[in-house]
Amino acid sequence: MSLSTDQSVFLKSWLKRPMRTGAVAPSSNALARLITRDILPGAGPVIELGPGTGAFTRCILAKGVLQCDLTLVENSPDFTALLRQRFPEARLLDMDVTRMRRWHDPWRSMQAQAVISGLPLLTMGVRAQWNVVGACMQSLQAGAALYQFTYMARCPIAPEIMTRMNLRAERIGSSLLNLPPASVYRIALNT
């Protein structure tokens, strides 16, 4: 059985850094449709954290978001090379997401309609999660949300972060067709 380009690149990256990759296979189309279900064309830019091979990216673009309105944040050289080739008009930031909050721009001026996250938040410490979630919340327009998937039965953001940032998490669905099955949470400010 031969592997697709996505599977090959994903496996190579996972073998190098399994805890940073966080998954054993690229996300399924079903999970991509679920996590991007609230994306609207012309409603503002979209930020994607940890896009990997671009499974969610393709779904975001299929929703009508222009590549130039998409910011991809990835730190794996294998993935960034693939993303640069596939989505040349998207803004690609090759950086460690846990350092996002140290950058004042673009996060505070982004006014994104959504942040779509493929990050393995459960493998991060509380301080790293605080930095990532804080930068995400700064980048969103009013009423917008962070969408995060997880393989666990609960929201992957630490409860103390949810409380201190005054956030609420709503499980919007599950994808049993994903390997392994995954749930998606919508995280937004309490109103």
C-alpha atoms as a PDB file:
ATOM      1  CA  MET A   1       0.000   0.000   0.000  1.00  0.00           C
ATOM      2  CA  SER A   2       1.470   3.349  -0.972  1.00  0.00           C
ATOM      3  CA  LEU A   3       1.040   6.428   1.202  1.00  0.00           C
ATOM      4  CA  SER A   4      -0.362   9.714  -0.080  1.00  0.00           C
ATOM      5  CA  THR A   5       1.814  12.826   0.060  1.00  0.00           C
ATOM      6  CA  ASP A   6      -0.132  14.022   3.111  1.00  0.00           C
ATOM      7  CA  GLN A   7       0.303  10.711   4.917  1.00  0.00           C
ATOM      8  CA  SER A   8       4.018  10.552   4.083  1.00  0.00           C
ATOM      9  CA  VAL A   9       4.743  14.106   5.250  1.00  0.00           C
ATOM     10  CA  PHE A  10       2.596  13.609   8.347  1.00  0.00           C
ATOM     11  CA  LEU A  11       4.319  10.340   9.290  1.00  0.00           C
ATOM     12  CA  LYS A  12       7.759  11.896   8.775  1.00  0.00           C
ATOM     13  CA  SER A  13       6.861  14.850  11.008  1.00  0.00           C
ATOM     14  CA  TRP A  14       5.276  12.600  13.645  1.00  0.00           C
ATOM     15  CA  LEU A  15       8.349  10.360  13.791  1.00  0.00           C
ATOM     16  CA  LYS A  16      10.582  13.420  14.337  1.00  0.00           C
ATOM     17  CA  ARG A  17       8.399  15.091  17.004  1.00  0.00           C
ATOM     18  CA  PRO A  18       5.391  12.989  18.107  1.00  0.00           C
ATOM     19  CA  MET A  19       4.387  15.238  21.027  1.00  0.00           C
ATOM     20  CA  ARG A  20       4.479  18.368  18.854  1.00  0.00           C
ATOM     21  CA  THR A  21       2.551  16.739  16.011  1.00  0.00           C
ATOM     22  CA  GLY A  22      -0.004  15.350  18.468  1.00  0.00           C
ATOM     23  CA  ALA A  23      -1.867  13.066  16.040  1.00  0.00           C
ATOM     24  CA  VAL A  24      -1.079   9.809  14.307  1.00  0.00           C
ATOM     25  CA  ALA A  25      -2.727  10.666  10.981  1.00  0.00           C
ATOM     26  CA  PRO A  26      -3.933  13.720   9.045  1.00  0.00           C
ATOM     27  CA  SER A  27      -7.402  14.957  10.028  1.00  0.00           C
ATOM     28  CA  SER A  28     -10.332  13.496   8.116  1.00  0.00           C
ATOM     29  CA  ASN A  29     -12.595  15.432   5.768  1.00  0.00           C
ATOM     30  CA  ALA A  30     -15.462  14.878   8.230  1.00  0.00           C
ATOM     31  CA  LEU A  31     -13.504  16.541  11.063  1.00  0.00           C
ATOM     32  CA  ALA A  32     -12.439  19.362   8.732  1.00  0.00           C
ATOM     33  CA  ARG A  33     -16.071  20.052   7.780  1.00  0.00           C
ATOM     34  CA  LEU A  34     -17.121  20.035  11.441  1.00  0.00           C
ATOM     35  CA  ILE A  35     -14.404  22.366  12.753  1.00  0.00           C
ATOM     36  CA  THR A  36     -14.952  24.861   9.893  1.00  0.00           C
ATOM     37  CA  ARG A  37     -18.763  24.737   9.848  1.00  0.00           C
ATOM     38  CA  ASP A  38     -19.226  28.328  11.098  1.00  0.00           C
ATOM     39  CA  ILE A  39     -16.781  29.951   8.631  1.00  0.00           C
ATOM     40  CA  LEU A  40     -18.447  32.440   6.271  1.00  0.00           C
ATOM     41  CA  PRO A  41     -17.129  34.058   3.079  1.00  0.00           C
ATOM     42  CA  GLY A  42     -16.428  37.773   3.466  1.00  0.00           C
ATOM     43  CA  ALA A  43     -16.882  37.733   7.272  1.00  0.00           C
ATOM     44  CA  GLY A  44     -13.227  38.493   7.986  1.00  0.00           C
ATOM     45  CA  PRO A  45      -9.876  36.751   8.068  1.00  0.00           C
ATOM     46  CA  VAL A  46      -9.306  33.283   9.508  1.00  0.00           C
ATOM     47  CA  ILE A  47      -6.313  32.126  11.534  1.00  0.00           C
ATOM     48  CA  GLU A  48      -5.342  28.468  11.499  1.00  0.00           C
ATOM     49  CA  LEU A  49      -2.982  27.112  14.133  1.00  0.00           C
ATOM     50  CA  GLY A  50      -1.050  23.945  13.350  1.00  0.00           C
ATOM     51  CA  PRO A  51      -2.453  23.399   9.855  1.00  0.00           C
ATOM     52  CA  GLY A  52      -0.202  20.394   9.228  1.00  0.00           C
ATOM     53  CA  THR A  53      -0.897  19.141   5.707  1.00  0.00           C
ATOM     54  CA  GLY A  54      -3.805  21.534   5.174  1.00  0.00           C
ATOM     55  CA  ALA A  55      -6.896  19.357   5.763  1.00  0.00           C
ATOM     56  CA  PHE A  56      -8.712  22.201   7.556  1.00  0.00           C
ATOM     57  CA  THR A  57      -7.167  24.808   5.234  1.00  0.00           C
ATOM     58  CA  ARG A  58      -8.782  23.222   2.181  1.00  0.00           C
ATOM     59  CA  CYS A  59     -12.170  23.290   3.942  1.00  0.00           C
ATOM     60  CA  ILE A  60     -11.740  26.951   4.957  1.00  0.00           C
ATOM     61  CA  LEU A  61     -10.990  27.872   1.340  1.00  0.00           C
ATOM     62  CA  ALA A  62     -13.940  25.777   0.098  1.00  0.00           C
ATOM     63  CA  LYS A  63     -16.162  27.940   2.340  1.00  0.00           C
ATOM     64  CA  GLY A  64     -15.194  30.945   0.206  1.00  0.00           C
ATOM     65  CA  VAL A  65     -12.430  32.497   2.316  1.00  0.00           C
ATOM     66  CA  LEU A  66      -9.720  33.928   0.080  1.00  0.00           C
ATOM     67  CA  GLN A  67      -6.149  32.680   0.552  1.00  0.00           C
ATOM     68  CA  CYS A  68      -5.033  36.249   1.211  1.00  0.00           C
ATOM     69  CA  ASP A  69      -7.454  36.348   4.186  1.00  0.00           C
ATOM     70  CA  LEU A  70      -5.917  33.245   5.735  1.00  0.00           C
ATOM     71  CA  THR A  71      -3.054  33.212   8.250  1.00  0.00           C
ATOM     72  CA  LEU A  72      -1.417  29.812   8.795  1.00  0.00           C
ATOM     73  CA  VAL A  73       0.799  29.366  11.869  1.00  0.00           C
ATOM     74  CA  GLU A  74       3.025  26.284  11.640  1.00  0.00           C
ATOM     75  CA  ASN A  75       6.374  25.364  13.142  1.00  0.00           C
ATOM     76  CA  SER A  76       7.240  22.095  11.399  1.00  0.00           C
ATOM     77  CA  PRO A  77       9.639  22.565   8.467  1.00  0.00           C
ATOM     78  CA  ASP A  78       8.079  19.586   6.679  1.00  0.00           C
ATOM     79  CA  PHE A  79       4.594  21.062   6.947  1.00  0.00           C
ATOM     80  CA  THR A  80       5.601  24.659   6.180  1.00  0.00           C
ATOM     81  CA  ALA A  81       7.243  23.596   2.907  1.00  0.00           C
ATOM     82  CA  LEU A  82       4.094  21.730   1.874  1.00  0.00           C
ATOM     83  CA  LEU A  83       1.788  24.590   2.938  1.00  0.00           C
ATOM     84  CA  ARG A  84       3.881  27.215   1.115  1.00  0.00           C
ATOM     85  CA  GLN A  85       3.601  25.153  -2.062  1.00  0.00           C
ATOM     86  CA  ARG A  86      -0.143  24.470  -1.737  1.00  0.00           C
ATOM     87  CA  PHE A  87      -1.346  27.865  -0.475  1.00  0.00           C
ATOM     88  CA  PRO A  88       1.082  30.459  -1.883  1.00  0.00           C
ATOM     89  CA  GLU A  89      -1.218  33.449  -1.292  1.00  0.00           C
ATOM     90  CA  ALA A  90      -1.905  32.661   2.369  1.00  0.00           C
ATOM     91  CA  ARG A  91       0.136  34.371   5.082  1.00  0.00           C
ATOM     92  CA  LEU A  92       2.367  31.626   6.505  1.00  0.00           C
ATOM     93  CA  LEU A  93       4.014  32.279   9.870  1.00  0.00           C
ATOM     94  CA  ASP A  94       6.739  29.759  10.663  1.00  0.00           C
ATOM     95  CA  MET A  95       6.750  30.139  14.440  1.00  0.00           C
ATOM     96  CA  ASP A  96       6.201  28.434  17.763  1.00  0.00           C
ATOM     97  CA  VAL A  97       2.564  29.110  18.664  1.00  0.00           C
ATOM     98  CA  THR A  98       3.381  29.292  22.363  1.00  0.00           C
ATOM     99  CA  ARG A  99       5.245  32.532  21.590  1.00  0.00           C
ATOM    100  CA  MET A 100       2.340  34.138  19.729  1.00  0.00           C
ATOM    101  CA  ARG A 101       1.378  36.397  22.596  1.00  0.00           C
ATOM    102  CA  ARG A 102       4.819  38.031  22.580  1.00  0.00           C
ATOM    103  CA  TRP A 103       4.074  39.433  19.129  1.00  0.00           C
ATOM    104  CA  HIS A 104       1.802  42.437  19.446  1.00  0.00           C
ATOM    105  CA  ASP A 105       0.927  42.325  15.795  1.00  0.00           C
ATOM    106  CA  PRO A 106      -0.748  40.745  13.949  1.00  0.00           C
ATOM    107  CA  TRP A 107      -2.856  39.320  16.781  1.00  0.00           C
ATOM    108  CA  ARG A 108      -4.277  42.528  18.263  1.00  0.00           C
ATOM    109  CA  SER A 109      -5.229  43.993  14.904  1.00  0.00           C
ATOM    110  CA  MET A 110      -6.338  40.797  13.143  1.00  0.00           C
ATOM    111  CA  GLN A 111     -10.103  40.943  13.875  1.00  0.00           C
ATOM    112  CA  ALA A 112     -10.493  37.329  12.710  1.00  0.00           C
ATOM    113  CA  GLN A 113     -13.876  35.706  12.272  1.00  0.00           C
ATOM    114  CA  ALA A 114     -12.416  32.493  13.746  1.00  0.00           C
ATOM    115  CA  VAL A 115      -9.305  30.705  14.907  1.00  0.00           C
ATOM    116  CA  ILE A 116      -9.226  27.066  13.790  1.00  0.00           C
ATOM    117  CA  SER A 117      -6.806  25.045  15.881  1.00  0.00           C
ATOM    118  CA  GLY A 118      -5.215  21.718  15.140  1.00  0.00           C
ATOM    119  CA  LEU A 119      -2.804  22.114  18.063  1.00  0.00           C
ATOM    120  CA  PRO A 120      -2.214  19.331  20.588  1.00  0.00           C
ATOM    121  CA  LEU A 121      -3.199  21.551  23.552  1.00  0.00           C
ATOM    122  CA  LEU A 122      -3.312  18.602  25.965  1.00  0.00           C
ATOM    123  CA  THR A 123       0.425  18.056  25.533  1.00  0.00           C
ATOM    124  CA  MET A 124       1.151  21.696  26.426  1.00  0.00           C
ATOM    125  CA  GLY A 125       1.653  23.044  29.908  1.00  0.00           C
ATOM    126  CA  VAL A 126      -0.694  25.619  31.430  1.00  0.00           C
ATOM    127  CA  ARG A 127       1.658  28.542  30.661  1.00  0.00           C
ATOM    128  CA  ALA A 128       1.894  27.565  26.980  1.00  0.00           C
ATOM    129  CA  GLN A 129      -1.886  27.146  26.778  1.00  0.00           C
ATOM    130  CA  TRP A 130      -2.326  30.550  28.452  1.00  0.00           C
ATOM    131  CA  ASN A 131      -0.128  32.187  25.799  1.00  0.00           C
ATOM    132  CA  VAL A 132      -1.850  30.479  22.867  1.00  0.00           C
ATOM    133  CA  VAL A 133      -5.424  31.007  24.059  1.00  0.00           C
ATOM    134  CA  GLY A 134      -4.682  34.593  25.094  1.00  0.00           C
ATOM    135  CA  ALA A 135      -3.290  35.462  21.645  1.00  0.00           C
ATOM    136  CA  CYS A 136      -6.286  33.796  20.007  1.00  0.00           C
ATOM    137  CA  MET A 137      -8.790  35.771  22.074  1.00  0.00           C
ATOM    138  CA  GLN A 138      -6.942  39.037  21.264  1.00  0.00           C
ATOM    139  CA  SER A 139      -7.138  38.304  17.538  1.00  0.00           C
ATOM    140  CA  LEU A 140     -10.886  37.736  17.303  1.00  0.00           C
ATOM    141  CA  GLN A 141     -13.626  40.159  16.335  1.00  0.00           C
ATOM    142  CA  ALA A 142     -16.566  40.543  18.737  1.00  0.00           C
ATOM    143  CA  GLY A 143     -18.657  37.381  18.945  1.00  0.00           C
ATOM    144  CA  ALA A 144     -16.041  35.227  17.188  1.00  0.00           C
ATOM    145  CA  ALA A 145     -14.535  32.033  18.609  1.00  0.00           C
ATOM    146  CA  LEU A 146     -11.624  29.630  18.773  1.00  0.00           C
ATOM    147  CA  TYR A 147     -12.461  26.165  17.414  1.00  0.00           C
ATOM    148  CA  GLN A 148     -10.375  23.353  18.892  1.00  0.00           C
ATOM    149  CA  PHE A 149     -10.558  19.627  18.328  1.00  0.00           C
ATOM    150  CA  THR A 150      -9.543  16.974  20.809  1.00  0.00           C
ATOM    151  CA  TYR A 151      -9.427  13.202  21.122  1.00  0.00           C
ATOM    152  CA  MET A 152     -10.444  13.427  24.780  1.00  0.00           C
ATOM    153  CA  ALA A 153     -13.906  13.597  26.364  1.00  0.00           C
ATOM    154  CA  ARG A 154     -13.453  17.157  27.675  1.00  0.00           C
ATOM    155  CA  CYS A 155     -12.363  20.553  26.411  1.00  0.00           C
ATOM    156  CA  PRO A 156      -8.549  20.482  26.151  1.00  0.00           C
ATOM    157  CA  ILE A 157      -8.051  23.964  27.634  1.00  0.00           C
ATOM    158  CA  ALA A 158      -7.140  23.903  31.326  1.00  0.00           C
ATOM    159  CA  PRO A 159     -10.125  24.835  33.564  1.00  0.00           C
ATOM    160  CA  GLU A 160      -8.122  27.561  35.332  1.00  0.00           C
ATOM    161  CA  ILE A 161      -7.494  29.272  31.979  1.00  0.00           C
ATOM    162  CA  MET A 162     -11.177  29.063  31.094  1.00  0.00           C
ATOM    163  CA  THR A 163     -12.068  30.689  34.421  1.00  0.00           C
ATOM    164  CA  ARG A 164      -9.381  33.410  34.433  1.00  0.00           C
ATOM    165  CA  MET A 165     -10.097  34.437  30.838  1.00  0.00           C
ATOM    166  CA  ASN A 166     -13.880  34.255  31.378  1.00  0.00           C
ATOM    167  CA  LEU A 167     -14.355  31.729  28.567  1.00  0.00           C
ATOM    168  CA  ARG A 168     -17.011  29.150  27.891  1.00  0.00           C
ATOM    169  CA  ALA A 169     -16.632  25.968  25.862  1.00  0.00           C
ATOM    170  CA  GLU A 170     -19.399  24.360  23.857  1.00  0.00           C
ATOM    171  CA  ARG A 171     -18.945  20.932  22.292  1.00  0.00           C
ATOM    172  CA  ILE A 172     -20.338  21.358  18.774  1.00  0.00           C
ATOM    173  CA  GLY A 173     -19.993  17.764  17.632  1.00  0.00           C
ATOM    174  CA  SER A 174     -17.865  14.696  17.072  1.00  0.00           C
ATOM    175  CA  SER A 175     -16.352  12.980  14.086  1.00  0.00           C
ATOM    176  CA  LEU A 176     -16.323   9.226  14.511  1.00  0.00           C
ATOM    177  CA  LEU A 177     -14.844   8.887  11.022  1.00  0.00           C
ATOM    178  CA  ASN A 178     -11.614  10.547  12.146  1.00  0.00           C
ATOM    179  CA  LEU A 179      -8.622   8.436  13.248  1.00  0.00           C
ATOM    180  CA  PRO A 180      -8.911   8.492  16.230  1.00  0.00           C
ATOM    181  CA  PRO A 181     -12.461   9.845  16.730  1.00  0.00           C
ATOM    182  CA  ALA A 182     -12.438  13.524  17.722  1.00  0.00           C
ATOM    183  CA  SER A 183     -14.709  16.165  19.229  1.00  0.00           C
ATOM    184  CA  VAL A 184     -14.771  19.879  18.361  1.00  0.00           C
ATOM    185  CA  TYR A 185     -15.225  22.673  20.908  1.00  0.00           C
ATOM    186  CA  ARG A 186     -16.200  26.280  20.279  1.00  0.00           C
ATOM    187  CA  ILE A 187     -14.431  28.485  22.846  1.00  0.00           C
ATOM    188  CA  ALA A 188     -15.624  32.079  23.252  1.00  0.00           C
ATOM    189  CA  LEU A 189     -15.860  34.862  25.810  1.00  0.00           C
ATOM    190  CA  ASN A 190     -18.735  34.597  28.255  1.00  0.00           C
ATOM    191  CA  THR A 191     -21.277  37.297  27.516  1.00  0.00           C
END
